[in-house]
Amino acid sequence: MTRLIVTGTDTDIGKTVFAAGLAAALGAYYWKPIQAGVDPQGDKERVATLSGLPPERILPEAYRLATPASPHLAARIDGVDISLDRLALPRVDGPLVVEGAGGVLVPVSESLLMADLFAYWGQPAILCARTGLGTINHSLLSIEALRARGVHVVGIAFIGDAHEENERIIPHIAGVPSLGRLPLLDPLERDSLAAAFRAHIHLPDNFNSR
């Protein structure tokens, strides 16, 4: 059964859009365990709109924090203690797409990073990366951080305008397959995302769908 973590090299790079497309393609459940910032809406609401998944496949967050900040800081400001016990992967009857918060080394608490949480789950990850300037360094550092914790990176998904060299050199150096490039979409809607995902993203054959 497919359980996939969607993470990114940074915040606001399009990993929620990618997660919505992936969850729709797999007919999966979607879970964002920690949402920090809900104005005007959280990521699960965006995924619900963009994926077209039935409501029961959009799972509630373990923590829904009002402050738009790193989870450790948002929790402190909101007066919430984040417990690892509440972050166990939910049991679902089908594929599960789990979206992290920010980049791979964003702190969940004073002693836990996102990448540590991924290692605790023991599930493979897809890294979302920009195509533009700076992405080589950010992507390779992110992959090294994940590997150092034993997290298997099944692929890298680029998001943005085409950049042939960046899209070539990162998978080559990292030894990680490229899953393709999701272009920036205007308008960004359920149908346009589904069409772009089918056309541009190539998932491994062993990903299960329902």
N, C-alpha and C. Protein backbone atom coordinates (compact mmCIF):
# COMPACT_ATOMS: atom_id res chain seq x y z
N MET A 1 0.85 -1.20 0.00
CA MET A 1 0.00 0.00 0.00
C MET A 1 0.88 1.24 0.00
N THR A 2 0.57 2.20 -0.84
CA THR A 2 1.40 3.39 -0.99
C THR A 2 1.17 4.39 0.13
N ARG A 3 2.25 4.74 0.80
CA ARG A 3 2.26 5.87 1.74
C ARG A 3 3.42 6.75 1.34
N LEU A 4 3.15 7.97 0.95
CA LEU A 4 4.17 8.85 0.40
C LEU A 4 4.18 10.17 1.14
N ILE A 5 5.38 10.63 1.46
CA ILE A 5 5.57 11.94 2.06
C ILE A 5 5.92 12.92 0.95
N VAL A 6 5.24 14.03 0.93
CA VAL A 6 5.57 15.11 0.00
C VAL A 6 6.22 16.23 0.80
N THR A 7 7.47 16.51 0.48
CA THR A 7 8.19 17.57 1.16
C THR A 7 8.80 18.50 0.13
N GLY A 8 9.49 19.53 0.59
CA GLY A 8 10.02 20.50 -0.35
C GLY A 8 11.34 21.08 0.11
N THR A 9 11.98 21.79 -0.78
CA THR A 9 13.24 22.45 -0.46
C THR A 9 13.03 23.73 0.32
N ASP A 10 11.79 24.20 0.38
CA ASP A 10 11.49 25.48 1.03
C ASP A 10 9.99 25.58 1.18
N THR A 11 9.54 26.65 1.81
CA THR A 11 8.11 26.90 1.90
C THR A 11 7.63 27.63 0.65
N ASP A 12 6.35 27.48 0.35
CA ASP A 12 5.70 28.22 -0.74
C ASP A 12 6.34 27.94 -2.10
N ILE A 13 6.65 26.66 -2.36
CA ILE A 13 7.23 26.31 -3.66
C ILE A 13 6.25 25.53 -4.53
N GLY A 14 5.07 25.22 -3.98
CA GLY A 14 4.08 24.50 -4.77
C GLY A 14 3.87 23.07 -4.35
N LYS A 15 4.39 22.68 -3.18
CA LYS A 15 4.23 21.27 -2.80
C LYS A 15 2.79 20.92 -2.45
N THR A 16 2.00 21.89 -2.00
CA THR A 16 0.58 21.60 -1.75
C THR A 16 -0.15 21.32 -3.06
N VAL A 17 0.17 22.08 -4.09
CA VAL A 17 -0.42 21.84 -5.41
C VAL A 17 0.01 20.47 -5.92
N PHE A 18 1.30 20.15 -5.76
CA PHE A 18 1.77 18.83 -6.19
C PHE A 18 1.08 17.73 -5.38
N ALA A 19 0.97 17.92 -4.07
CA ALA A 19 0.31 16.91 -3.23
C ALA A 19 -1.13 16.70 -3.65
N ALA A 20 -1.82 17.78 -4.03
CA ALA A 20 -3.20 17.66 -4.50
C ALA A 20 -3.26 16.84 -5.79
N GLY A 21 -2.35 17.13 -6.71
CA GLY A 21 -2.32 16.38 -7.96
C GLY A 21 -1.97 14.92 -7.74
N LEU A 22 -1.03 14.67 -6.83
CA LEU A 22 -0.63 13.29 -6.53
C LEU A 22 -1.77 12.52 -5.87
N ALA A 23 -2.40 13.13 -4.87
CA ALA A 23 -3.50 12.45 -4.18
C ALA A 23 -4.64 12.14 -5.14
N ALA A 24 -4.94 13.07 -6.04
CA ALA A 24 -5.99 12.84 -7.03
C ALA A 24 -5.61 11.71 -7.98
N ALA A 25 -4.34 11.70 -8.43
CA ALA A 25 -3.89 10.68 -9.37
C ALA A 25 -3.94 9.29 -8.76
N LEU A 26 -3.67 9.20 -7.46
CA LEU A 26 -3.66 7.91 -6.77
C LEU A 26 -5.00 7.55 -6.16
N GLY A 27 -5.94 8.49 -6.16
CA GLY A 27 -7.19 8.27 -5.43
C GLY A 27 -6.92 8.07 -3.96
N ALA A 28 -5.98 8.86 -3.43
CA ALA A 28 -5.45 8.64 -2.09
C ALA A 28 -6.20 9.43 -1.02
N TYR A 29 -5.86 9.13 0.21
CA TYR A 29 -6.19 9.99 1.34
C TYR A 29 -5.09 11.04 1.43
N TYR A 30 -5.45 12.22 1.93
CA TYR A 30 -4.48 13.31 2.10
C TYR A 30 -4.45 13.72 3.56
N TRP A 31 -3.22 13.91 4.08
CA TRP A 31 -3.07 14.33 5.48
C TRP A 31 -1.96 15.35 5.60
N LYS A 32 -2.27 16.48 6.18
CA LYS A 32 -1.28 17.49 6.55
C LYS A 32 -1.23 17.48 8.07
N PRO A 33 -0.26 16.82 8.68
CA PRO A 33 -0.30 16.65 10.13
C PRO A 33 -0.21 17.94 10.92
N ILE A 34 0.58 18.91 10.42
CA ILE A 34 0.73 20.18 11.13
C ILE A 34 0.48 21.32 10.15
N GLN A 35 -0.59 22.07 10.41
CA GLN A 35 -0.91 23.25 9.62
C GLN A 35 -0.61 24.48 10.45
N ALA A 36 0.28 25.33 9.98
CA ALA A 36 0.63 26.56 10.68
C ALA A 36 0.24 27.74 9.80
N GLY A 37 -0.87 28.39 10.15
CA GLY A 37 -1.40 29.49 9.36
C GLY A 37 -2.63 29.06 8.60
N VAL A 38 -3.76 29.70 8.86
CA VAL A 38 -5.03 29.29 8.25
C VAL A 38 -5.80 30.47 7.67
N ASP A 39 -5.10 31.54 7.34
CA ASP A 39 -5.75 32.72 6.79
C ASP A 39 -5.31 32.90 5.34
N PRO A 40 -6.21 32.77 4.34
CA PRO A 40 -7.65 32.58 4.50
C PRO A 40 -8.09 31.14 4.67
N GLN A 41 -7.18 30.17 4.37
CA GLN A 41 -7.53 28.76 4.53
C GLN A 41 -6.26 27.96 4.71
N GLY A 42 -6.42 26.71 5.14
CA GLY A 42 -5.28 25.83 5.29
C GLY A 42 -5.05 25.01 4.03
N ASP A 43 -4.00 24.20 4.07
CA ASP A 43 -3.64 23.42 2.88
C ASP A 43 -4.66 22.33 2.58
N LYS A 44 -5.28 21.75 3.61
CA LYS A 44 -6.24 20.69 3.30
C LYS A 44 -7.46 21.23 2.56
N GLU A 45 -7.83 22.49 2.80
CA GLU A 45 -8.93 23.08 2.04
C GLU A 45 -8.52 23.29 0.58
N ARG A 46 -7.27 23.71 0.37
CA ARG A 46 -6.78 23.87 -1.01
C ARG A 46 -6.74 22.52 -1.73
N VAL A 47 -6.26 21.50 -1.01
CA VAL A 47 -6.17 20.18 -1.62
C VAL A 47 -7.57 19.65 -1.93
N ALA A 48 -8.51 19.88 -1.03
CA ALA A 48 -9.89 19.43 -1.29
C ALA A 48 -10.42 20.05 -2.57
N THR A 49 -10.16 21.33 -2.77
CA THR A 49 -10.64 22.03 -3.97
C THR A 49 -9.93 21.55 -5.23
N LEU A 50 -8.60 21.41 -5.14
CA LEU A 50 -7.81 21.11 -6.33
C LEU A 50 -7.82 19.63 -6.71
N SER A 51 -8.04 18.75 -5.74
CA SER A 51 -7.98 17.31 -6.01
C SER A 51 -9.33 16.73 -6.42
N GLY A 52 -10.42 17.30 -5.89
CA GLY A 52 -11.72 16.72 -6.13
C GLY A 52 -11.96 15.44 -5.35
N LEU A 53 -11.11 15.15 -4.38
CA LEU A 53 -11.29 13.95 -3.57
C LEU A 53 -12.55 14.08 -2.71
N PRO A 54 -13.20 12.96 -2.41
CA PRO A 54 -14.36 13.02 -1.51
C PRO A 54 -13.93 13.50 -0.12
N PRO A 55 -14.83 14.17 0.61
CA PRO A 55 -14.45 14.77 1.90
C PRO A 55 -13.82 13.80 2.88
N GLU A 56 -14.24 12.54 2.86
CA GLU A 56 -13.70 11.59 3.83
C GLU A 56 -12.24 11.24 3.56
N ARG A 57 -11.74 11.59 2.38
CA ARG A 57 -10.33 11.32 2.08
C ARG A 57 -9.42 12.50 2.41
N ILE A 58 -9.99 13.59 2.87
CA ILE A 58 -9.20 14.73 3.34
C ILE A 58 -9.21 14.67 4.87
N LEU A 59 -8.13 14.21 5.45
CA LEU A 59 -8.10 13.94 6.88
C LEU A 59 -7.81 15.21 7.68
N PRO A 60 -8.36 15.31 8.88
CA PRO A 60 -8.10 16.49 9.72
C PRO A 60 -6.66 16.51 10.22
N GLU A 61 -6.13 17.69 10.40
CA GLU A 61 -4.77 17.83 10.89
C GLU A 61 -4.67 17.34 12.34
N ALA A 62 -3.48 16.91 12.72
CA ALA A 62 -3.22 16.64 14.13
C ALA A 62 -3.11 17.95 14.89
N TYR A 63 -2.54 18.96 14.24
CA TYR A 63 -2.40 20.29 14.83
C TYR A 63 -2.77 21.32 13.78
N ARG A 64 -3.69 22.19 14.13
CA ARG A 64 -4.10 23.28 13.25
C ARG A 64 -3.82 24.58 13.99
N LEU A 65 -2.70 25.20 13.65
CA LEU A 65 -2.19 26.36 14.36
C LEU A 65 -2.53 27.63 13.59
N ALA A 66 -2.88 28.67 14.31
CA ALA A 66 -3.33 29.90 13.67
C ALA A 66 -2.17 30.73 13.12
N THR A 67 -1.01 30.65 13.77
CA THR A 67 0.11 31.53 13.41
C THR A 67 0.86 31.01 12.20
N PRO A 68 1.04 31.83 11.16
CA PRO A 68 1.81 31.41 9.98
C PRO A 68 3.31 31.51 10.26
N ALA A 69 3.89 30.44 10.75
CA ALA A 69 5.30 30.42 11.12
C ALA A 69 5.78 28.98 11.12
N SER A 70 7.06 28.79 11.39
CA SER A 70 7.57 27.45 11.60
C SER A 70 6.74 26.77 12.69
N PRO A 71 6.45 25.46 12.54
CA PRO A 71 5.58 24.81 13.52
C PRO A 71 6.00 24.99 14.97
N HIS A 72 7.30 24.95 15.24
CA HIS A 72 7.74 25.10 16.64
C HIS A 72 7.38 26.48 17.19
N LEU A 73 7.52 27.51 16.35
CA LEU A 73 7.21 28.87 16.78
C LEU A 73 5.70 29.10 16.82
N ALA A 74 4.99 28.60 15.81
CA ALA A 74 3.53 28.74 15.78
C ALA A 74 2.91 28.08 17.01
N ALA A 75 3.41 26.90 17.37
CA ALA A 75 2.89 26.21 18.54
C ALA A 75 3.17 27.00 19.82
N ARG A 76 4.36 27.58 19.93
CA ARG A 76 4.70 28.37 21.12
C ARG A 76 3.78 29.59 21.23
N ILE A 77 3.59 30.29 20.11
CA ILE A 77 2.74 31.49 20.13
C ILE A 77 1.30 31.12 20.44
N ASP A 78 0.84 29.98 19.88
CA ASP A 78 -0.55 29.56 20.09
C ASP A 78 -0.77 28.84 21.42
N GLY A 79 0.32 28.63 22.17
CA GLY A 79 0.19 27.96 23.46
C GLY A 79 -0.11 26.48 23.35
N VAL A 80 0.49 25.82 22.36
CA VAL A 80 0.23 24.40 22.10
C VAL A 80 1.54 23.61 22.26
N ASP A 81 1.46 22.44 22.87
CA ASP A 81 2.58 21.52 22.93
C ASP A 81 2.40 20.44 21.86
N ILE A 82 3.39 20.31 20.97
CA ILE A 82 3.32 19.30 19.92
C ILE A 82 3.89 17.99 20.45
N SER A 83 3.09 16.93 20.39
CA SER A 83 3.48 15.63 20.90
C SER A 83 3.67 14.66 19.75
N LEU A 84 4.76 13.88 19.79
CA LEU A 84 5.02 12.90 18.75
C LEU A 84 3.92 11.85 18.70
N ASP A 85 3.30 11.55 19.83
CA ASP A 85 2.24 10.54 19.87
C ASP A 85 1.08 10.89 18.95
N ARG A 86 0.78 12.19 18.83
CA ARG A 86 -0.34 12.61 18.00
C ARG A 86 0.01 12.66 16.52
N LEU A 87 1.28 12.42 16.21
CA LEU A 87 1.75 12.53 14.83
C LEU A 87 1.96 11.17 14.17
N ALA A 88 1.47 10.11 14.79
CA ALA A 88 1.54 8.79 14.16
C ALA A 88 0.71 8.79 12.88
N LEU A 89 1.19 8.08 11.86
CA LEU A 89 0.46 8.03 10.59
C LEU A 89 -0.92 7.42 10.80
N PRO A 90 -1.95 8.03 10.24
CA PRO A 90 -3.30 7.46 10.37
C PRO A 90 -3.43 6.17 9.57
N ARG A 91 -4.27 5.29 10.07
CA ARG A 91 -4.56 4.04 9.35
C ARG A 91 -5.72 4.30 8.40
N VAL A 92 -5.48 4.06 7.12
CA VAL A 92 -6.51 4.29 6.11
C VAL A 92 -6.56 3.10 5.18
N ASP A 93 -7.70 2.95 4.52
CA ASP A 93 -7.91 1.86 3.58
C ASP A 93 -7.60 2.34 2.18
N GLY A 94 -6.31 2.47 1.88
CA GLY A 94 -5.92 2.95 0.57
C GLY A 94 -4.63 3.74 0.65
N PRO A 95 -4.17 4.29 -0.47
CA PRO A 95 -2.95 5.10 -0.48
C PRO A 95 -3.11 6.34 0.41
N LEU A 96 -1.98 6.81 0.92
CA LEU A 96 -1.97 7.99 1.78
C LEU A 96 -0.87 8.93 1.32
N VAL A 97 -1.22 10.19 1.09
CA VAL A 97 -0.25 11.25 0.77
C VAL A 97 -0.16 12.16 1.98
N VAL A 98 1.05 12.30 2.51
CA VAL A 98 1.29 13.11 3.70
C VAL A 98 2.15 14.30 3.31
N GLU A 99 1.69 15.50 3.62
CA GLU A 99 2.43 16.71 3.25
C GLU A 99 3.11 17.30 4.48
N GLY A 100 4.41 17.50 4.37
CA GLY A 100 5.15 18.16 5.43
C GLY A 100 4.92 19.66 5.43
N ALA A 101 5.52 20.33 6.40
CA ALA A 101 5.42 21.79 6.51
C ALA A 101 6.78 22.40 6.19
N GLY A 102 6.81 23.32 5.24
CA GLY A 102 8.05 23.98 4.89
C GLY A 102 9.07 23.03 4.29
N GLY A 103 10.35 23.30 4.56
CA GLY A 103 11.42 22.47 4.06
C GLY A 103 11.74 21.32 4.99
N VAL A 104 12.72 20.51 4.61
CA VAL A 104 12.97 19.26 5.33
C VAL A 104 13.58 19.48 6.71
N LEU A 105 14.24 20.60 6.95
CA LEU A 105 14.84 20.85 8.25
C LEU A 105 14.09 21.91 9.06
N VAL A 106 12.85 22.13 8.74
CA VAL A 106 12.01 23.02 9.54
C VAL A 106 11.75 22.36 10.90
N PRO A 107 11.89 23.09 12.00
CA PRO A 107 11.66 22.48 13.31
C PRO A 107 10.19 22.29 13.63
N VAL A 108 9.86 21.07 14.04
CA VAL A 108 8.52 20.76 14.54
C VAL A 108 8.41 21.18 16.00
N SER A 109 9.50 20.99 16.73
CA SER A 109 9.59 21.38 18.13
C SER A 109 11.03 21.78 18.41
N GLU A 110 11.37 22.00 19.66
CA GLU A 110 12.73 22.38 20.01
C GLU A 110 13.72 21.25 19.74
N SER A 111 13.25 20.02 19.63
CA SER A 111 14.15 18.88 19.50
C SER A 111 13.84 17.97 18.30
N LEU A 112 12.86 18.36 17.46
CA LEU A 112 12.44 17.50 16.35
C LEU A 112 12.32 18.31 15.08
N LEU A 113 12.98 17.84 14.02
CA LEU A 113 12.88 18.48 12.70
C LEU A 113 11.93 17.68 11.82
N MET A 114 11.46 18.32 10.75
CA MET A 114 10.58 17.62 9.83
C MET A 114 11.21 16.32 9.33
N ALA A 115 12.48 16.36 8.96
CA ALA A 115 13.15 15.17 8.46
C ALA A 115 13.20 14.07 9.52
N ASP A 116 13.31 14.44 10.79
CA ASP A 116 13.26 13.46 11.87
C ASP A 116 11.89 12.79 11.93
N LEU A 117 10.86 13.59 11.72
CA LEU A 117 9.50 13.05 11.72
C LEU A 117 9.32 12.08 10.55
N PHE A 118 9.86 12.42 9.39
CA PHE A 118 9.77 11.52 8.24
C PHE A 118 10.48 10.19 8.55
N ALA A 119 11.64 10.27 9.20
CA ALA A 119 12.36 9.06 9.58
C ALA A 119 11.56 8.22 10.57
N TYR A 120 10.89 8.88 11.49
CA TYR A 120 10.03 8.19 12.46
C TYR A 120 8.92 7.43 11.75
N TRP A 121 8.36 8.03 10.71
CA TRP A 121 7.30 7.35 9.95
C TRP A 121 7.85 6.18 9.13
N GLY A 122 9.10 6.28 8.67
CA GLY A 122 9.70 5.21 7.90
C GLY A 122 9.09 5.01 6.53
N GLN A 123 8.61 6.09 5.92
CA GLN A 123 7.98 6.01 4.60
C GLN A 123 8.79 6.81 3.58
N PRO A 124 8.69 6.48 2.29
CA PRO A 124 9.45 7.18 1.26
C PRO A 124 8.93 8.59 1.01
N ALA A 125 9.82 9.43 0.50
CA ALA A 125 9.49 10.84 0.28
C ALA A 125 9.71 11.24 -1.16
N ILE A 126 8.89 12.19 -1.60
CA ILE A 126 9.09 12.90 -2.86
C ILE A 126 9.50 14.32 -2.50
N LEU A 127 10.59 14.78 -3.10
CA LEU A 127 11.06 16.14 -2.85
C LEU A 127 10.58 17.06 -3.97
N CYS A 128 9.85 18.11 -3.61
CA CYS A 128 9.44 19.14 -4.57
C CYS A 128 10.47 20.27 -4.56
N ALA A 129 10.85 20.72 -5.75
CA ALA A 129 11.89 21.74 -5.87
C ALA A 129 11.54 22.74 -6.94
N ARG A 130 11.93 23.98 -6.72
CA ARG A 130 11.82 24.98 -7.77
C ARG A 130 12.75 24.63 -8.93
N THR A 131 12.49 25.22 -10.06
CA THR A 131 13.39 25.02 -11.21
C THR A 131 14.45 26.11 -11.32
N GLY A 132 14.25 27.25 -10.67
CA GLY A 132 15.07 28.42 -10.90
C GLY A 132 16.35 28.49 -10.10
N LEU A 133 16.95 29.66 -10.10
CA LEU A 133 18.25 29.91 -9.48
C LEU A 133 18.24 29.53 -8.00
N GLY A 134 19.27 28.82 -7.59
CA GLY A 134 19.40 28.39 -6.20
C GLY A 134 18.91 26.99 -5.93
N THR A 135 18.18 26.42 -6.88
CA THR A 135 17.55 25.13 -6.61
C THR A 135 18.56 23.98 -6.55
N ILE A 136 19.70 24.08 -7.22
CA ILE A 136 20.68 23.00 -7.16
C ILE A 136 21.16 22.80 -5.73
N ASN A 137 21.60 23.88 -5.11
CA ASN A 137 22.10 23.80 -3.74
C ASN A 137 21.01 23.35 -2.77
N HIS A 138 19.83 23.97 -2.86
CA HIS A 138 18.74 23.64 -1.94
C HIS A 138 18.31 22.19 -2.09
N SER A 139 18.23 21.72 -3.32
CA SER A 139 17.77 20.35 -3.58
C SER A 139 18.77 19.33 -3.07
N LEU A 140 20.05 19.52 -3.39
CA LEU A 140 21.06 18.55 -2.99
C LEU A 140 21.22 18.52 -1.47
N LEU A 141 21.15 19.68 -0.83
CA LEU A 141 21.21 19.71 0.63
C LEU A 141 20.01 18.99 1.25
N SER A 142 18.84 19.20 0.67
CA SER A 142 17.64 18.55 1.20
C SER A 142 17.73 17.04 1.07
N ILE A 143 18.21 16.58 -0.07
CA ILE A 143 18.34 15.13 -0.28
C ILE A 143 19.36 14.54 0.68
N GLU A 144 20.47 15.24 0.90
CA GLU A 144 21.47 14.75 1.84
C GLU A 144 20.91 14.69 3.26
N ALA A 145 20.13 15.68 3.65
CA ALA A 145 19.55 15.69 4.99
C ALA A 145 18.58 14.53 5.17
N LEU A 146 17.81 14.23 4.15
CA LEU A 146 16.87 13.11 4.23
C LEU A 146 17.62 11.79 4.29
N ARG A 147 18.60 11.61 3.44
CA ARG A 147 19.36 10.37 3.42
C ARG A 147 20.11 10.14 4.73
N ALA A 148 20.61 11.22 5.32
CA ALA A 148 21.34 11.08 6.58
C ALA A 148 20.47 10.50 7.68
N ARG A 149 19.16 10.64 7.52
CA ARG A 149 18.22 10.11 8.52
C ARG A 149 17.56 8.82 8.05
N GLY A 150 18.03 8.29 6.94
CA GLY A 150 17.50 7.03 6.46
C GLY A 150 16.18 7.13 5.71
N VAL A 151 15.82 8.35 5.27
CA VAL A 151 14.58 8.54 4.52
C VAL A 151 14.86 8.28 3.05
N HIS A 152 14.12 7.36 2.46
CA HIS A 152 14.30 7.03 1.04
C HIS A 152 13.60 8.07 0.17
N VAL A 153 14.37 8.71 -0.71
CA VAL A 153 13.81 9.70 -1.63
C VAL A 153 13.50 8.98 -2.94
N VAL A 154 12.22 8.81 -3.23
CA VAL A 154 11.84 8.03 -4.42
C VAL A 154 11.89 8.86 -5.69
N GLY A 155 11.94 10.19 -5.55
CA GLY A 155 12.00 11.02 -6.74
C GLY A 155 11.96 12.49 -6.39
N ILE A 156 12.34 13.30 -7.35
CA ILE A 156 12.25 14.75 -7.21
C ILE A 156 11.29 15.27 -8.26
N ALA A 157 10.40 16.15 -7.84
CA ALA A 157 9.42 16.75 -8.74
C ALA A 157 9.73 18.25 -8.84
N PHE A 158 10.00 18.70 -10.02
CA PHE A 158 10.28 20.12 -10.24
C PHE A 158 8.97 20.87 -10.45
N ILE A 159 8.96 22.12 -10.01
CA ILE A 159 7.77 22.95 -10.14
C ILE A 159 8.19 24.33 -10.64
N GLY A 160 7.63 24.73 -11.76
CA GLY A 160 7.95 26.05 -12.30
C GLY A 160 8.22 25.99 -13.79
N ASP A 161 8.82 27.07 -14.31
CA ASP A 161 9.16 27.15 -15.72
C ASP A 161 10.32 26.21 -16.04
N ALA A 162 10.39 25.76 -17.27
CA ALA A 162 11.43 24.82 -17.68
C ALA A 162 12.82 25.41 -17.48
N HIS A 163 13.72 24.58 -16.95
CA HIS A 163 15.14 24.92 -16.85
C HIS A 163 15.91 23.62 -17.08
N GLU A 164 16.26 23.38 -18.31
CA GLU A 164 16.79 22.08 -18.72
C GLU A 164 17.99 21.63 -17.90
N GLU A 165 18.93 22.54 -17.65
CA GLU A 165 20.15 22.13 -16.94
C GLU A 165 19.88 21.81 -15.48
N ASN A 166 19.12 22.63 -14.79
CA ASN A 166 18.80 22.34 -13.40
C ASN A 166 18.04 21.02 -13.27
N GLU A 167 17.13 20.79 -14.21
CA GLU A 167 16.33 19.56 -14.17
C GLU A 167 17.17 18.33 -14.51
N ARG A 168 18.31 18.54 -15.17
CA ARG A 168 19.21 17.43 -15.50
C ARG A 168 20.21 17.15 -14.39
N ILE A 169 20.86 18.21 -13.90
CA ILE A 169 22.02 18.01 -13.04
C ILE A 169 21.64 17.54 -11.65
N ILE A 170 20.51 17.98 -11.12
CA ILE A 170 20.15 17.59 -9.75
C ILE A 170 19.90 16.09 -9.65
N PRO A 171 19.04 15.50 -10.48
CA PRO A 171 18.88 14.04 -10.40
C PRO A 171 20.18 13.30 -10.69
N HIS A 172 21.00 13.83 -11.59
CA HIS A 172 22.26 13.17 -11.94
C HIS A 172 23.20 13.11 -10.74
N ILE A 173 23.41 14.23 -10.07
CA ILE A 173 24.32 14.26 -8.93
C ILE A 173 23.74 13.49 -7.75
N ALA A 174 22.46 13.65 -7.50
CA ALA A 174 21.83 13.04 -6.33
C ALA A 174 21.57 11.55 -6.51
N GLY A 175 21.51 11.09 -7.76
CA GLY A 175 21.15 9.70 -7.99
C GLY A 175 19.69 9.43 -7.63
N VAL A 176 18.85 10.42 -7.87
CA VAL A 176 17.42 10.33 -7.58
C VAL A 176 16.64 10.53 -8.88
N PRO A 177 15.65 9.70 -9.15
CA PRO A 177 14.90 9.88 -10.40
C PRO A 177 14.13 11.20 -10.42
N SER A 178 14.05 11.79 -11.59
CA SER A 178 13.16 12.94 -11.78
C SER A 178 11.77 12.42 -12.12
N LEU A 179 10.77 12.94 -11.43
CA LEU A 179 9.39 12.57 -11.72
C LEU A 179 8.77 13.50 -12.75
N GLY A 180 9.54 14.48 -13.21
CA GLY A 180 9.03 15.43 -14.18
C GLY A 180 8.91 16.82 -13.59
N ARG A 181 8.28 17.69 -14.36
CA ARG A 181 8.13 19.09 -13.95
C ARG A 181 6.67 19.51 -14.08
N LEU A 182 6.13 20.01 -13.00
CA LEU A 182 4.78 20.55 -13.01
C LEU A 182 4.85 22.03 -13.33
N PRO A 183 4.31 22.47 -14.45
CA PRO A 183 4.41 23.90 -14.80
C PRO A 183 3.50 24.75 -13.92
N LEU A 184 3.81 26.04 -13.86
CA LEU A 184 2.93 26.97 -13.17
C LEU A 184 1.64 27.09 -13.97
N LEU A 185 0.51 26.99 -13.31
CA LEU A 185 -0.77 26.92 -14.01
C LEU A 185 -1.59 28.20 -13.77
N ASP A 186 -2.11 28.73 -14.85
CA ASP A 186 -3.00 29.89 -14.78
C ASP A 186 -4.09 29.73 -15.84
N PRO A 187 -5.30 29.38 -15.42
CA PRO A 187 -5.75 29.31 -14.03
C PRO A 187 -5.36 27.99 -13.37
N LEU A 188 -5.20 28.04 -12.05
CA LEU A 188 -4.95 26.84 -11.27
C LEU A 188 -6.29 26.32 -10.76
N GLU A 189 -6.77 25.27 -11.40
CA GLU A 189 -8.06 24.68 -11.08
C GLU A 189 -7.94 23.16 -11.08
N ARG A 190 -8.96 22.50 -10.63
CA ARG A 190 -8.94 21.04 -10.54
C ARG A 190 -8.64 20.40 -11.89
N ASP A 191 -9.33 20.83 -12.92
CA ASP A 191 -9.15 20.20 -14.23
C ASP A 191 -7.78 20.51 -14.83
N SER A 192 -7.32 21.75 -14.69
CA SER A 192 -6.02 22.11 -15.26
C SER A 192 -4.89 21.38 -14.52
N LEU A 193 -5.03 21.21 -13.21
CA LEU A 193 -4.02 20.49 -12.45
C LEU A 193 -4.00 19.02 -12.85
N ALA A 194 -5.16 18.40 -12.96
CA ALA A 194 -5.22 16.99 -13.34
C ALA A 194 -4.60 16.77 -14.71
N ALA A 195 -4.91 17.66 -15.65
CA ALA A 195 -4.36 17.52 -17.00
C ALA A 195 -2.85 17.70 -17.00
N ALA A 196 -2.36 18.70 -16.26
CA ALA A 196 -0.92 18.94 -16.21
C ALA A 196 -0.19 17.79 -15.52
N PHE A 197 -0.80 17.24 -14.47
CA PHE A 197 -0.18 16.13 -13.76
C PHE A 197 -0.06 14.91 -14.67
N ARG A 198 -1.11 14.62 -15.42
CA ARG A 198 -1.08 13.48 -16.35
C ARG A 198 -0.02 13.69 -17.43
N ALA A 199 0.11 14.92 -17.90
CA ALA A 199 1.00 15.20 -19.02
C ALA A 199 2.47 15.28 -18.62
N HIS A 200 2.75 15.73 -17.40
CA HIS A 200 4.13 16.10 -17.06
C HIS A 200 4.76 15.30 -15.92
N ILE A 201 3.95 14.64 -15.09
CA ILE A 201 4.50 13.91 -13.95
C ILE A 201 4.42 12.41 -14.21
N HIS A 202 5.53 11.74 -14.01
CA HIS A 202 5.63 10.31 -14.33
C HIS A 202 5.94 9.54 -13.06
N LEU A 203 4.94 8.88 -12.53
CA LEU A 203 5.07 8.17 -11.26
C LEU A 203 5.61 6.77 -11.50
N PRO A 204 6.40 6.25 -10.54
CA PRO A 204 6.89 4.87 -10.67
C PRO A 204 5.73 3.87 -10.77
N ASP A 205 5.97 2.78 -11.47
CA ASP A 205 4.92 1.78 -11.69
C ASP A 205 4.45 1.14 -10.40
N ASN A 206 5.31 1.13 -9.35
CA ASN A 206 4.92 0.45 -8.13
C ASN A 206 4.09 1.31 -7.19
N PHE A 207 3.75 2.53 -7.60
CA PHE A 207 2.83 3.35 -6.80
C PHE A 207 1.44 2.77 -7.00
N ASN A 208 0.77 2.43 -5.91
CA ASN A 208 -0.56 1.85 -5.99
C ASN A 208 -1.61 2.93 -6.02
N SER A 209 -2.67 2.70 -6.75
CA SER A 209 -3.81 3.63 -6.77
C SER A 209 -5.09 2.85 -6.57
N ARG A 210 -6.11 3.60 -6.15
CA ARG A 210 -7.42 2.97 -5.92
C ARG A 210 -8.49 3.88 -6.51
